[in-house]
Amino acid sequence: MTEAVDATRGMILTHDSKPIGAFYFDNCGGHTESSLNAWGFSAPYLQAVLDKLLPARNGFLAPAELQAWLKDRPEAYSNHPNHSNRSAYRWSHWVTREEIESRLKLPAKFGPILSLTVVERSVSGRAHKILIKGTGGEKMLKGDAIRSLGGLRSNLFVVQPKLGADGLPESFVFTGGGWGHGVGMAQSGAAGMAAAGYTAAEILAHYYQGAELTKKY
């Protein structure tokens, strides 16, 4: 294990001769996210990139295409059987309406939640803005804060309500992919790429595009 440490001793990733913020997370679900969409700040080396094993996309997926993609398990480096958790790459999560209301600390006047609507997505497919409508109010969640809806593994999801006898949602079913904020390097994807023969430099160049490995020490 010390071989990798010794081989990269004194090397750091830089952009414009400055050390980068090398953020990482568990699993991208097939597509990483930009720092701008997740956290509101833009870094040229923290852009949304597609897993190298997946076919190129021409912009955004249509809603039906995104839903089908998240219900499928396409071959990807982030879906490597030996280097990823099956329930991290694709997952389904039920959250009761009451739990969401409690997590969001909604005031009584907001009333029961009627709907959760994704009103804006990024090119990765992640929900960037979601509108929560209640019987007495509305609330907008943005960026990475959306995961606070109910212990969601990522913002890469589609959501459907399950209605009760009174016509109100009893729960919401999230069908999604990936685990974590999605910005920077996906650990499972990096491991899958390494298993396929990619070098450390090639893996870093994929996830931190435009950054350079620099000998500093």
C-alpha atoms as a PDB file:
ATOM      1  CA  MET A   1       0.000   0.000   0.000  1.00  0.00           C
ATOM      2  CA  THR A   2       2.945   2.333   0.524  1.00  0.00           C
ATOM      3  CA  GLU A   3       3.954   2.049  -3.149  1.00  0.00           C
ATOM      4  CA  ALA A   4       1.205   4.422  -4.273  1.00  0.00           C
ATOM      5  CA  VAL A   5       2.111   6.902  -1.528  1.00  0.00           C
ATOM      6  CA  ASP A   6       5.809   6.790  -2.404  1.00  0.00           C
ATOM      7  CA  ALA A   7       5.114   7.140  -6.139  1.00  0.00           C
ATOM      8  CA  THR A   8       3.069  10.319  -5.639  1.00  0.00           C
ATOM      9  CA  ARG A   9       5.022  11.890  -2.788  1.00  0.00           C
ATOM     10  CA  GLY A  10       5.138  15.671  -3.114  1.00  0.00           C
ATOM     11  CA  MET A  11       2.554  15.817  -5.905  1.00  0.00           C
ATOM     12  CA  ILE A  12      -0.622  17.899  -5.700  1.00  0.00           C
ATOM     13  CA  LEU A  13      -3.405  18.883  -8.079  1.00  0.00           C
ATOM     14  CA  THR A  14      -3.328  22.533  -9.136  1.00  0.00           C
ATOM     15  CA  HIS A  15      -5.257  24.924 -11.352  1.00  0.00           C
ATOM     16  CA  ASP A  16      -3.675  28.227 -12.381  1.00  0.00           C
ATOM     17  CA  SER A  17      -0.718  27.190 -10.208  1.00  0.00           C
ATOM     18  CA  LYS A  18      -2.916  27.029  -7.077  1.00  0.00           C
ATOM     19  CA  PRO A  19      -3.948  23.901  -5.133  1.00  0.00           C
ATOM     20  CA  ILE A  20      -7.482  22.806  -5.995  1.00  0.00           C
ATOM     21  CA  GLY A  21     -10.334  21.803  -3.698  1.00  0.00           C
ATOM     22  CA  ALA A  22     -10.227  18.088  -4.519  1.00  0.00           C
ATOM     23  CA  PHE A  23     -13.727  17.142  -3.353  1.00  0.00           C
ATOM     24  CA  TYR A  24     -14.773  13.506  -3.581  1.00  0.00           C
ATOM     25  CA  PHE A  25     -17.711  11.260  -2.681  1.00  0.00           C
ATOM     26  CA  ASP A  26     -18.886   7.654  -2.897  1.00  0.00           C
ATOM     27  CA  ASN A  27     -20.746   6.977  -6.154  1.00  0.00           C
ATOM     28  CA  CYS A  28     -21.848   9.273  -9.002  1.00  0.00           C
ATOM     29  CA  GLY A  29     -24.597   7.010 -10.359  1.00  0.00           C
ATOM     30  CA  GLY A  30     -23.115   7.517 -13.823  1.00  0.00           C
ATOM     31  CA  HIS A  31     -22.690  11.311 -13.876  1.00  0.00           C
ATOM     32  CA  THR A  32     -20.966  13.745 -11.518  1.00  0.00           C
ATOM     33  CA  GLU A  33     -22.269  17.208 -10.604  1.00  0.00           C
ATOM     34  CA  SER A  34     -20.800  20.706 -10.898  1.00  0.00           C
ATOM     35  CA  SER A  35     -19.926  22.686  -7.783  1.00  0.00           C
ATOM     36  CA  LEU A  36     -22.125  25.512  -9.073  1.00  0.00           C
ATOM     37  CA  ASN A  37     -25.290  23.427  -9.043  1.00  0.00           C
ATOM     38  CA  ALA A  38     -24.497  21.672  -5.765  1.00  0.00           C
ATOM     39  CA  TRP A  39     -23.112  24.534  -3.683  1.00  0.00           C
ATOM     40  CA  GLY A  40     -23.487  27.761  -5.636  1.00  0.00           C
ATOM     41  CA  PHE A  41     -19.848  28.436  -6.529  1.00  0.00           C
ATOM     42  CA  SER A  42     -18.139  27.708  -9.818  1.00  0.00           C
ATOM     43  CA  ALA A  43     -14.747  26.042 -10.182  1.00  0.00           C
ATOM     44  CA  PRO A  44     -13.494  25.190 -13.694  1.00  0.00           C
ATOM     45  CA  TYR A  45     -12.144  21.821 -12.509  1.00  0.00           C
ATOM     46  CA  LEU A  46     -15.378  20.830 -10.719  1.00  0.00           C
ATOM     47  CA  GLN A  47     -17.712  20.336 -13.658  1.00  0.00           C
ATOM     48  CA  ALA A  48     -20.294  17.626 -14.336  1.00  0.00           C
ATOM     49  CA  VAL A  49     -18.755  14.681 -16.218  1.00  0.00           C
ATOM     50  CA  LEU A  50     -20.280  11.472 -17.545  1.00  0.00           C
ATOM     51  CA  ASP A  51     -18.866   8.057 -16.625  1.00  0.00           C
ATOM     52  CA  LYS A  52     -16.482   7.028 -19.415  1.00  0.00           C
ATOM     53  CA  LEU A  53     -18.270   3.720 -20.044  1.00  0.00           C
ATOM     54  CA  LEU A  54     -21.638   5.358 -20.723  1.00  0.00           C
ATOM     55  CA  PRO A  55     -22.662   6.580 -24.195  1.00  0.00           C
ATOM     56  CA  ALA A  56     -22.268  10.311 -24.819  1.00  0.00           C
ATOM     57  CA  ARG A  57     -25.320  12.486 -24.252  1.00  0.00           C
ATOM     58  CA  ASN A  58     -26.545  15.403 -26.292  1.00  0.00           C
ATOM     59  CA  GLY A  59     -27.517  17.679 -23.421  1.00  0.00           C
ATOM     60  CA  PHE A  60     -30.319  16.985 -20.947  1.00  0.00           C
ATOM     61  CA  LEU A  61     -32.302  13.762 -20.759  1.00  0.00           C
ATOM     62  CA  ALA A  62     -36.052  14.048 -21.269  1.00  0.00           C
ATOM     63  CA  PRO A  63     -38.100  13.201 -18.127  1.00  0.00           C
ATOM     64  CA  ALA A  64     -39.103   9.767 -19.443  1.00  0.00           C
ATOM     65  CA  GLU A  65     -35.513   9.015 -20.461  1.00  0.00           C
ATOM     66  CA  LEU A  66     -34.205  10.011 -17.039  1.00  0.00           C
ATOM     67  CA  GLN A  67     -36.774   7.833 -15.286  1.00  0.00           C
ATOM     68  CA  ALA A  68     -35.909   4.840 -17.487  1.00  0.00           C
ATOM     69  CA  TRP A  69     -32.161   5.429 -16.957  1.00  0.00           C
ATOM     70  CA  LEU A  70     -32.555   5.490 -13.165  1.00  0.00           C
ATOM     71  CA  LYS A  71     -34.596   2.283 -13.196  1.00  0.00           C
ATOM     72  CA  ASP A  72     -31.914   0.602 -15.317  1.00  0.00           C
ATOM     73  CA  ARG A  73     -28.422  -0.454 -14.233  1.00  0.00           C
ATOM     74  CA  PRO A  74     -26.258   0.494 -17.244  1.00  0.00           C
ATOM     75  CA  GLU A  75     -22.682  -0.733 -17.299  1.00  0.00           C
ATOM     76  CA  ALA A  76     -20.359   1.912 -15.888  1.00  0.00           C
ATOM     77  CA  TYR A  77     -17.074   2.196 -14.012  1.00  0.00           C
ATOM     78  CA  SER A  78     -19.102   3.430 -11.030  1.00  0.00           C
ATOM     79  CA  ASN A  79     -21.085   0.166 -11.240  1.00  0.00           C
ATOM     80  CA  HIS A  80     -18.063  -2.167 -11.099  1.00  0.00           C
ATOM     81  CA  PRO A  81     -19.145  -5.367  -9.263  1.00  0.00           C
ATOM     82  CA  ASN A  82     -15.973  -5.484  -7.158  1.00  0.00           C
ATOM     83  CA  HIS A  83     -15.596  -1.798  -6.406  1.00  0.00           C
ATOM     84  CA  SER A  84     -19.083  -0.403  -5.812  1.00  0.00           C
ATOM     85  CA  ASN A  85     -22.053  -0.937  -3.563  1.00  0.00           C
ATOM     86  CA  ARG A  86     -25.068  -2.146  -5.552  1.00  0.00           C
ATOM     87  CA  SER A  87     -27.439   0.036  -3.521  1.00  0.00           C
ATOM     88  CA  ALA A  88     -25.236   3.105  -4.052  1.00  0.00           C
ATOM     89  CA  TYR A  89     -25.353   3.023  -7.860  1.00  0.00           C
ATOM     90  CA  ARG A  90     -29.152   2.616  -8.027  1.00  0.00           C
ATOM     91  CA  TRP A  91     -31.649   2.811  -5.161  1.00  0.00           C
ATOM     92  CA  SER A  92     -35.259   3.322  -4.145  1.00  0.00           C
ATOM     93  CA  HIS A  93     -36.260   5.147  -0.979  1.00  0.00           C
ATOM     94  CA  TRP A  94     -39.687   5.681   0.615  1.00  0.00           C
ATOM     95  CA  VAL A  95     -40.209   8.706   2.873  1.00  0.00           C
ATOM     96  CA  THR A  96     -43.467   9.478   4.656  1.00  0.00           C
ATOM     97  CA  ARG A  97     -45.049  12.882   4.230  1.00  0.00           C
ATOM     98  CA  GLU A  98     -44.879  13.430   7.985  1.00  0.00           C
ATOM     99  CA  GLU A  99     -41.123  12.767   8.054  1.00  0.00           C
ATOM    100  CA  ILE A 100     -40.501  15.314   5.310  1.00  0.00           C
ATOM    101  CA  GLU A 101     -42.654  17.883   7.106  1.00  0.00           C
ATOM    102  CA  SER A 102     -40.727  17.243  10.323  1.00  0.00           C
ATOM    103  CA  ARG A 103     -37.303  17.417   8.676  1.00  0.00           C
ATOM    104  CA  LEU A 104     -38.140  20.725   6.999  1.00  0.00           C
ATOM    105  CA  LYS A 105     -39.577  22.140  10.243  1.00  0.00           C
ATOM    106  CA  LEU A 106     -42.568  23.505   8.353  1.00  0.00           C
ATOM    107  CA  PRO A 107     -44.879  25.850  10.295  1.00  0.00           C
ATOM    108  CA  ALA A 108     -48.402  24.684  11.087  1.00  0.00           C
ATOM    109  CA  LYS A 109     -49.893  27.181   8.631  1.00  0.00           C
ATOM    110  CA  PHE A 110     -48.020  25.444   5.766  1.00  0.00           C
ATOM    111  CA  GLY A 111     -50.411  22.517   6.148  1.00  0.00           C
ATOM    112  CA  PRO A 112     -49.933  18.977   4.809  1.00  0.00           C
ATOM    113  CA  ILE A 113     -47.628  18.607   1.807  1.00  0.00           C
ATOM    114  CA  LEU A 114     -49.552  18.185  -1.441  1.00  0.00           C
ATOM    115  CA  SER A 115     -46.693  17.724  -3.893  1.00  0.00           C
ATOM    116  CA  LEU A 116     -42.952  17.670  -4.510  1.00  0.00           C
ATOM    117  CA  THR A 117     -42.076  18.957  -7.977  1.00  0.00           C
ATOM    118  CA  VAL A 118     -38.616  19.147  -9.501  1.00  0.00           C
ATOM    119  CA  VAL A 119     -38.698  22.475 -11.351  1.00  0.00           C
ATOM    120  CA  GLU A 120     -35.055  22.551 -12.453  1.00  0.00           C
ATOM    121  CA  ARG A 121     -32.434  19.894 -13.126  1.00  0.00           C
ATOM    122  CA  SER A 122     -28.767  20.066 -14.055  1.00  0.00           C
ATOM    123  CA  VAL A 123     -27.305  18.284 -17.082  1.00  0.00           C
ATOM    124  CA  SER A 124     -26.343  15.375 -14.796  1.00  0.00           C
ATOM    125  CA  GLY A 125     -30.049  14.763 -14.120  1.00  0.00           C
ATOM    126  CA  ARG A 126     -29.819  15.900 -10.506  1.00  0.00           C
ATOM    127  CA  ALA A 127     -32.608  17.972  -9.025  1.00  0.00           C
ATOM    128  CA  HIS A 128     -31.347  21.552  -8.716  1.00  0.00           C
ATOM    129  CA  LYS A 129     -34.590  23.103  -7.487  1.00  0.00           C
ATOM    130  CA  ILE A 130     -37.616  21.365  -5.994  1.00  0.00           C
ATOM    131  CA  LEU A 131     -40.914  23.063  -5.139  1.00  0.00           C
ATOM    132  CA  ILE A 132     -42.783  21.819  -2.076  1.00  0.00           C
ATOM    133  CA  LYS A 133     -46.474  22.736  -2.085  1.00  0.00           C
ATOM    134  CA  GLY A 134     -48.657  22.531   0.993  1.00  0.00           C
ATOM    135  CA  THR A 135     -52.305  23.321   1.578  1.00  0.00           C
ATOM    136  CA  GLY A 136     -51.250  26.693   2.978  1.00  0.00           C
ATOM    137  CA  GLY A 137     -47.902  27.573   1.447  1.00  0.00           C
ATOM    138  CA  GLU A 138     -44.925  26.800  -0.755  1.00  0.00           C
ATOM    139  CA  LYS A 139     -41.220  26.290  -0.170  1.00  0.00           C
ATOM    140  CA  MET A 140     -38.295  25.991  -2.590  1.00  0.00           C
ATOM    141  CA  LEU A 141     -35.235  23.860  -1.861  1.00  0.00           C
ATOM    142  CA  LYS A 142     -32.056  24.241  -3.921  1.00  0.00           C
ATOM    143  CA  GLY A 143     -28.817  22.367  -4.509  1.00  0.00           C
ATOM    144  CA  ASP A 144     -27.399  19.892  -2.044  1.00  0.00           C
ATOM    145  CA  ALA A 145     -29.982  20.931   0.580  1.00  0.00           C
ATOM    146  CA  ILE A 146     -32.523  18.828  -1.324  1.00  0.00           C
ATOM    147  CA  ARG A 147     -31.039  15.684   0.226  1.00  0.00           C
ATOM    148  CA  SER A 148     -32.452  16.857   3.573  1.00  0.00           C
ATOM    149  CA  LEU A 149     -35.928  15.837   2.378  1.00  0.00           C
ATOM    150  CA  GLY A 150     -35.499  12.428   3.926  1.00  0.00           C
ATOM    151  CA  GLY A 151     -32.042  10.926   4.076  1.00  0.00           C
ATOM    152  CA  LEU A 152     -31.694  10.788   0.288  1.00  0.00           C
ATOM    153  CA  ARG A 153     -28.438   9.332  -0.991  1.00  0.00           C
ATOM    154  CA  SER A 154     -28.156  11.930  -3.749  1.00  0.00           C
ATOM    155  CA  ASN A 155     -30.089  14.544  -5.719  1.00  0.00           C
ATOM    156  CA  LEU A 156     -30.139  12.247  -8.751  1.00  0.00           C
ATOM    157  CA  PHE A 157     -33.718  10.965  -8.543  1.00  0.00           C
ATOM    158  CA  VAL A 158     -37.279  11.026  -9.794  1.00  0.00           C
ATOM    159  CA  VAL A 159     -40.094  11.173  -7.236  1.00  0.00           C
ATOM    160  CA  GLN A 160     -43.695   9.960  -7.167  1.00  0.00           C
ATOM    161  CA  PRO A 161     -46.370  10.320  -4.455  1.00  0.00           C
ATOM    162  CA  LYS A 162     -48.311   7.460  -2.889  1.00  0.00           C
ATOM    163  CA  LEU A 163     -51.779   8.727  -2.010  1.00  0.00           C
ATOM    164  CA  GLY A 164     -53.845   7.775   0.998  1.00  0.00           C
ATOM    165  CA  ALA A 165     -57.612   7.327   1.278  1.00  0.00           C
ATOM    166  CA  ASP A 166     -58.021  11.071   1.905  1.00  0.00           C
ATOM    167  CA  GLY A 167     -56.350  11.921  -1.388  1.00  0.00           C
ATOM    168  CA  LEU A 168     -53.277  13.378   0.296  1.00  0.00           C
ATOM    169  CA  PRO A 169     -49.811  11.892  -0.148  1.00  0.00           C
ATOM    170  CA  GLU A 170     -48.994   9.367   2.557  1.00  0.00           C
ATOM    171  CA  SER A 171     -45.432   8.994   1.325  1.00  0.00           C
ATOM    172  CA  PHE A 172     -43.114   9.795  -1.540  1.00  0.00           C
ATOM    173  CA  VAL A 173     -41.072   7.226  -3.479  1.00  0.00           C
ATOM    174  CA  PHE A 174     -37.655   8.377  -4.685  1.00  0.00           C
ATOM    175  CA  THR A 175     -35.972   6.304  -7.406  1.00  0.00           C
ATOM    176  CA  GLY A 176     -32.382   7.407  -7.770  1.00  0.00           C
ATOM    177  CA  GLY A 177     -28.737   6.821  -8.440  1.00  0.00           C
ATOM    178  CA  GLY A 178     -25.461   7.639  -6.747  1.00  0.00           C
ATOM    179  CA  TRP A 179     -24.427   8.343  -3.184  1.00  0.00           C
ATOM    180  CA  GLY A 180     -23.104  11.708  -2.055  1.00  0.00           C
ATOM    181  CA  HIS A 181     -23.007  15.305  -3.258  1.00  0.00           C
ATOM    182  CA  GLY A 182     -21.646  14.298  -6.660  1.00  0.00           C
ATOM    183  CA  VAL A 183     -18.907  16.954  -6.917  1.00  0.00           C
ATOM    184  CA  GLY A 184     -15.363  15.972  -7.903  1.00  0.00           C
ATOM    185  CA  MET A 185     -14.136  12.379  -7.861  1.00  0.00           C
ATOM    186  CA  ALA A 186     -16.408   9.361  -7.428  1.00  0.00           C
ATOM    187  CA  GLN A 187     -14.472   6.840  -5.350  1.00  0.00           C
ATOM    188  CA  SER A 188     -16.251   3.824  -6.841  1.00  0.00           C
ATOM    189  CA  GLY A 189     -15.806   5.150 -10.373  1.00  0.00           C
ATOM    190  CA  ALA A 190     -12.119   5.826  -9.773  1.00  0.00           C
ATOM    191  CA  ALA A 191     -11.661   2.267  -8.477  1.00  0.00           C
ATOM    192  CA  GLY A 192     -13.498   0.885 -11.504  1.00  0.00           C
ATOM    193  CA  MET A 193     -11.313   2.894 -13.863  1.00  0.00           C
ATOM    194  CA  ALA A 194      -8.162   1.720 -12.064  1.00  0.00           C
ATOM    195  CA  ALA A 195      -9.304  -1.897 -12.394  1.00  0.00           C
ATOM    196  CA  ALA A 196      -9.704  -1.303 -16.140  1.00  0.00           C
ATOM    197  CA  GLY A 197      -6.099  -0.104 -16.415  1.00  0.00           C
ATOM    198  CA  TYR A 198      -6.397   3.677 -16.237  1.00  0.00           C
ATOM    199  CA  THR A 199      -3.492   5.434 -14.526  1.00  0.00           C
ATOM    200  CA  ALA A 200      -3.879   7.726 -11.535  1.00  0.00           C
ATOM    201  CA  ALA A 201      -3.146  10.730 -13.769  1.00  0.00           C
ATOM    202  CA  GLU A 202      -5.837   9.690 -16.261  1.00  0.00           C
ATOM    203  CA  ILE A 203      -8.418   9.173 -13.522  1.00  0.00           C
ATOM    204  CA  LEU A 204      -7.692  12.552 -11.954  1.00  0.00           C
ATOM    205  CA  ALA A 205      -7.808  14.256 -15.361  1.00  0.00           C
ATOM    206  CA  HIS A 206     -11.290  12.795 -15.910  1.00  0.00           C
ATOM    207  CA  TYR A 207     -12.786  13.913 -12.607  1.00  0.00           C
ATOM    208  CA  TYR A 208     -10.895  17.212 -12.193  1.00  0.00           C
ATOM    209  CA  GLN A 209     -10.820  18.444 -15.767  1.00  0.00           C
ATOM    210  CA  GLY A 210      -8.275  21.162 -16.404  1.00  0.00           C
ATOM    211  CA  ALA A 211      -6.335  20.479 -13.190  1.00  0.00           C
ATOM    212  CA  GLU A 212      -2.669  19.497 -13.348  1.00  0.00           C
ATOM    213  CA  LEU A 213      -0.513  17.192 -11.263  1.00  0.00           C
ATOM    214  CA  THR A 214       2.282  19.352  -9.906  1.00  0.00           C
ATOM    215  CA  LYS A 215       5.426  18.405  -8.008  1.00  0.00           C
ATOM    216  CA  LYS A 216       5.502  20.746  -5.006  1.00  0.00           C
ATOM    217  CA  TYR A 217       7.639  19.040  -2.376  1.00  0.00           C
END
